[in-house]
Amino acid sequence: MKRTFFFYIIAAVLLFTSCTKLDVPVESQYTNGNFPTNAASYAAVMGPMYTDLSYNNTGFSYAVDYWRMQELSTDEAIIPARGGNYDDGGQYRFLHLHSWNADHPNVVGNWKWGFGAITRCNT
């Protein structure tokens, strides 16, 4: 009985002390006050999103990592490593032999590119 009474007291204290300021300004969605109204403000909002879609911060465009994942993991393309040149630690061989995992540079690049762009669009 004491335990139940104590539980109700704690619940009541938490209930009555929470949510004191409910009229906070909306910042997580567009309203009439923060929605773009002209071409310059649209460009300011959309520009960073399209920039993230065209570049993945690895020195290449995202299309290179995407192409490598699509083509090198099938029989459509292979990058030969003659004499160890252009082997890059065997990363292209791993794709061709289907022995890559989530730590592969192209998987990481595609993941960071995709979710980086999603994050930019949501902020």
C-alpha atoms as a PDB file:
ATOM      1  CA  MET A   1       0.000   0.000   0.000  1.00  0.00           C
ATOM      2  CA  LYS A   2       2.830   2.405   0.862  1.00  0.00           C
ATOM      3  CA  ARG A   3       4.557   1.594  -2.417  1.00  0.00           C
ATOM      4  CA  THR A   4       1.422   2.372  -4.459  1.00  0.00           C
ATOM      5  CA  PHE A   5       0.841   5.618  -2.557  1.00  0.00           C
ATOM      6  CA  PHE A   6       4.486   6.631  -3.129  1.00  0.00           C
ATOM      7  CA  PHE A   7       4.135   5.848  -6.851  1.00  0.00           C
ATOM      8  CA  TYR A   8       1.046   8.064  -7.125  1.00  0.00           C
ATOM      9  CA  ILE A   9       2.792  10.921  -5.317  1.00  0.00           C
ATOM     10  CA  ILE A  10       5.797  10.727  -7.670  1.00  0.00           C
ATOM     11  CA  ALA A  11       3.519  10.558 -10.733  1.00  0.00           C
ATOM     12  CA  ALA A  12       1.539  13.585  -9.530  1.00  0.00           C
ATOM     13  CA  VAL A  13       4.707  15.610  -8.926  1.00  0.00           C
ATOM     14  CA  LEU A  14       6.026  14.765 -12.394  1.00  0.00           C
ATOM     15  CA  LEU A  15       2.677  15.492 -14.025  1.00  0.00           C
ATOM     16  CA  PHE A  16       2.189  18.898 -12.466  1.00  0.00           C
ATOM     17  CA  THR A  17       5.766  20.110 -12.938  1.00  0.00           C
ATOM     18  CA  SER A  18       6.128  19.251 -16.622  1.00  0.00           C
ATOM     19  CA  CYS A  19       5.092  21.172 -19.744  1.00  0.00           C
ATOM     20  CA  THR A  20       5.021  24.652 -18.292  1.00  0.00           C
ATOM     21  CA  LYS A  21       5.707  26.652 -21.484  1.00  0.00           C
ATOM     22  CA  LEU A  22       3.459  25.356 -24.242  1.00  0.00           C
ATOM     23  CA  ASP A  23       3.402  28.447 -26.465  1.00  0.00           C
ATOM     24  CA  VAL A  24       6.904  28.118 -27.953  1.00  0.00           C
ATOM     25  CA  PRO A  25       7.494  29.375 -31.517  1.00  0.00           C
ATOM     26  CA  VAL A  26       7.353  26.775 -34.294  1.00  0.00           C
ATOM     27  CA  GLU A  27      10.825  26.253 -35.766  1.00  0.00           C
ATOM     28  CA  SER A  28      10.622  22.686 -37.032  1.00  0.00           C
ATOM     29  CA  GLN A  29       8.250  23.337 -39.934  1.00  0.00           C
ATOM     30  CA  TYR A  30       7.464  26.076 -42.388  1.00  0.00           C
ATOM     31  CA  THR A  31       4.921  28.701 -41.406  1.00  0.00           C
ATOM     32  CA  ASN A  32       3.877  31.940 -43.102  1.00  0.00           C
ATOM     33  CA  GLY A  33       6.644  33.733 -41.238  1.00  0.00           C
ATOM     34  CA  ASN A  34       9.577  31.545 -42.318  1.00  0.00           C
ATOM     35  CA  PHE A  35       8.453  30.202 -45.718  1.00  0.00           C
ATOM     36  CA  PRO A  36      10.472  31.440 -48.724  1.00  0.00           C
ATOM     37  CA  THR A  37       8.664  34.251 -50.515  1.00  0.00           C
ATOM     38  CA  ASN A  38      10.849  35.125 -53.523  1.00  0.00           C
ATOM     39  CA  ALA A  39      13.390  33.557 -55.867  1.00  0.00           C
ATOM     40  CA  ALA A  40      16.385  34.563 -53.758  1.00  0.00           C
ATOM     41  CA  SER A  41      14.972  33.033 -50.583  1.00  0.00           C
ATOM     42  CA  TYR A  42      14.062  29.824 -52.464  1.00  0.00           C
ATOM     43  CA  ALA A  43      17.624  29.620 -53.781  1.00  0.00           C
ATOM     44  CA  ALA A  44      18.974  30.167 -50.265  1.00  0.00           C
ATOM     45  CA  VAL A  45      16.847  27.273 -48.965  1.00  0.00           C
ATOM     46  CA  MET A  46      17.262  24.848 -51.881  1.00  0.00           C
ATOM     47  CA  GLY A  47      20.892  25.564 -52.802  1.00  0.00           C
ATOM     48  CA  PRO A  48      22.546  23.674 -49.937  1.00  0.00           C
ATOM     49  CA  MET A  49      20.301  20.671 -50.556  1.00  0.00           C
ATOM     50  CA  TYR A  50      21.319  20.375 -54.194  1.00  0.00           C
ATOM     51  CA  THR A  51      24.949  20.967 -53.289  1.00  0.00           C
ATOM     52  CA  ASP A  52      24.834  17.976 -50.957  1.00  0.00           C
ATOM     53  CA  LEU A  53      23.257  15.861 -53.691  1.00  0.00           C
ATOM     54  CA  SER A  54      26.102  16.599 -56.092  1.00  0.00           C
ATOM     55  CA  TYR A  55      29.085  16.101 -53.786  1.00  0.00           C
ATOM     56  CA  ASN A  56      29.886  13.670 -50.974  1.00  0.00           C
ATOM     57  CA  ASN A  57      32.903  15.335 -49.273  1.00  0.00           C
ATOM     58  CA  THR A  58      35.305  12.554 -50.284  1.00  0.00           C
ATOM     59  CA  GLY A  59      36.840  14.367 -53.226  1.00  0.00           C
ATOM     60  CA  PHE A  60      34.497  12.733 -55.731  1.00  0.00           C
ATOM     61  CA  SER A  61      30.928  13.290 -56.687  1.00  0.00           C
ATOM     62  CA  TYR A  62      28.484  10.838 -55.171  1.00  0.00           C
ATOM     63  CA  ALA A  63      28.013   9.286 -58.590  1.00  0.00           C
ATOM     64  CA  VAL A  64      31.502   7.755 -58.487  1.00  0.00           C
ATOM     65  CA  ASP A  65      30.843   5.780 -55.296  1.00  0.00           C
ATOM     66  CA  TYR A  66      27.386   4.867 -56.522  1.00  0.00           C
ATOM     67  CA  TRP A  67      28.744   3.739 -59.905  1.00  0.00           C
ATOM     68  CA  ARG A  68      31.419   1.642 -58.214  1.00  0.00           C
ATOM     69  CA  MET A  69      28.850  -0.091 -56.012  1.00  0.00           C
ATOM     70  CA  GLN A  70      26.569  -0.761 -58.975  1.00  0.00           C
ATOM     71  CA  GLU A  71      29.119  -1.796 -61.593  1.00  0.00           C
ATOM     72  CA  LEU A  72      32.126  -3.252 -59.788  1.00  0.00           C
ATOM     73  CA  SER A  73      30.012  -5.605 -57.694  1.00  0.00           C
ATOM     74  CA  THR A  74      28.657  -7.213 -60.881  1.00  0.00           C
ATOM     75  CA  ASP A  75      30.301  -8.503 -64.026  1.00  0.00           C
ATOM     76  CA  GLU A  76      29.743  -5.213 -65.871  1.00  0.00           C
ATOM     77  CA  ALA A  77      33.073  -3.654 -64.895  1.00  0.00           C
ATOM     78  CA  ILE A  78      36.321  -4.557 -63.199  1.00  0.00           C
ATOM     79  CA  ILE A  79      39.345  -2.442 -62.332  1.00  0.00           C
ATOM     80  CA  PRO A  80      42.481  -4.522 -62.880  1.00  0.00           C
ATOM     81  CA  ALA A  81      45.354  -4.039 -60.446  1.00  0.00           C
ATOM     82  CA  ARG A  82      48.346  -4.856 -62.595  1.00  0.00           C
ATOM     83  CA  GLY A  83      51.497  -4.872 -60.535  1.00  0.00           C
ATOM     84  CA  GLY A  84      49.677  -3.451 -57.527  1.00  0.00           C
ATOM     85  CA  ASN A  85      48.862  -0.200 -59.288  1.00  0.00           C
ATOM     86  CA  TYR A  86      45.409   1.222 -58.613  1.00  0.00           C
ATOM     87  CA  ASP A  87      44.671  -1.493 -56.102  1.00  0.00           C
ATOM     88  CA  ASP A  88      43.764   0.894 -53.230  1.00  0.00           C
ATOM     89  CA  GLY A  89      44.014  -1.792 -50.593  1.00  0.00           C
ATOM     90  CA  GLY A  90      41.955  -4.263 -52.600  1.00  0.00           C
ATOM     91  CA  GLN A  91      38.716  -2.287 -52.292  1.00  0.00           C
ATOM     92  CA  TYR A  92      37.762  -2.878 -55.938  1.00  0.00           C
ATOM     93  CA  ARG A  93      38.578  -6.570 -55.677  1.00  0.00           C
ATOM     94  CA  PHE A  94      36.363  -6.815 -52.570  1.00  0.00           C
ATOM     95  CA  LEU A  95      33.452  -5.433 -54.581  1.00  0.00           C
ATOM     96  CA  HIS A  96      34.051  -7.807 -57.479  1.00  0.00           C
ATOM     97  CA  LEU A  97      34.411 -10.848 -55.201  1.00  0.00           C
ATOM     98  CA  HIS A  98      31.396  -9.848 -53.061  1.00  0.00           C
ATOM     99  CA  SER A  99      33.521  -9.862 -49.915  1.00  0.00           C
ATOM    100  CA  TRP A 100      32.842  -6.270 -48.858  1.00  0.00           C
ATOM    101  CA  ASN A 101      31.071  -5.260 -45.654  1.00  0.00           C
ATOM    102  CA  ALA A 102      29.592  -2.118 -44.105  1.00  0.00           C
ATOM    103  CA  ASP A 103      33.072  -0.651 -43.535  1.00  0.00           C
ATOM    104  CA  HIS A 104      33.922  -0.608 -47.252  1.00  0.00           C
ATOM    105  CA  PRO A 105      34.862   2.926 -48.414  1.00  0.00           C
ATOM    106  CA  ASN A 106      32.221   3.012 -51.159  1.00  0.00           C
ATOM    107  CA  VAL A 107      29.463   1.824 -48.820  1.00  0.00           C
ATOM    108  CA  VAL A 108      30.481   4.415 -46.238  1.00  0.00           C
ATOM    109  CA  GLY A 109      30.647   7.124 -48.920  1.00  0.00           C
ATOM    110  CA  ASN A 110      27.187   6.316 -50.247  1.00  0.00           C
ATOM    111  CA  TRP A 111      25.731   6.133 -46.749  1.00  0.00           C
ATOM    112  CA  LYS A 112      27.224   9.461 -45.672  1.00  0.00           C
ATOM    113  CA  TRP A 113      26.129  11.102 -48.906  1.00  0.00           C
ATOM    114  CA  GLY A 114      22.546   9.857 -48.691  1.00  0.00           C
ATOM    115  CA  PHE A 115      21.937  10.551 -45.040  1.00  0.00           C
ATOM    116  CA  GLY A 116      23.892  13.805 -45.163  1.00  0.00           C
ATOM    117  CA  ALA A 117      21.521  15.035 -47.866  1.00  0.00           C
ATOM    118  CA  ILE A 118      18.491  13.851 -45.887  1.00  0.00           C
ATOM    119  CA  THR A 119      19.779  15.636 -42.794  1.00  0.00           C
ATOM    120  CA  ARG A 120      20.327  18.828 -44.775  1.00  0.00           C
ATOM    121  CA  CYS A 121      16.789  18.655 -46.164  1.00  0.00           C
ATOM    122  CA  ASN A 122      15.317  18.165 -42.699  1.00  0.00           C
ATOM    123  CA  THR A 123      17.137  21.102 -41.117  1.00  0.00           C
END
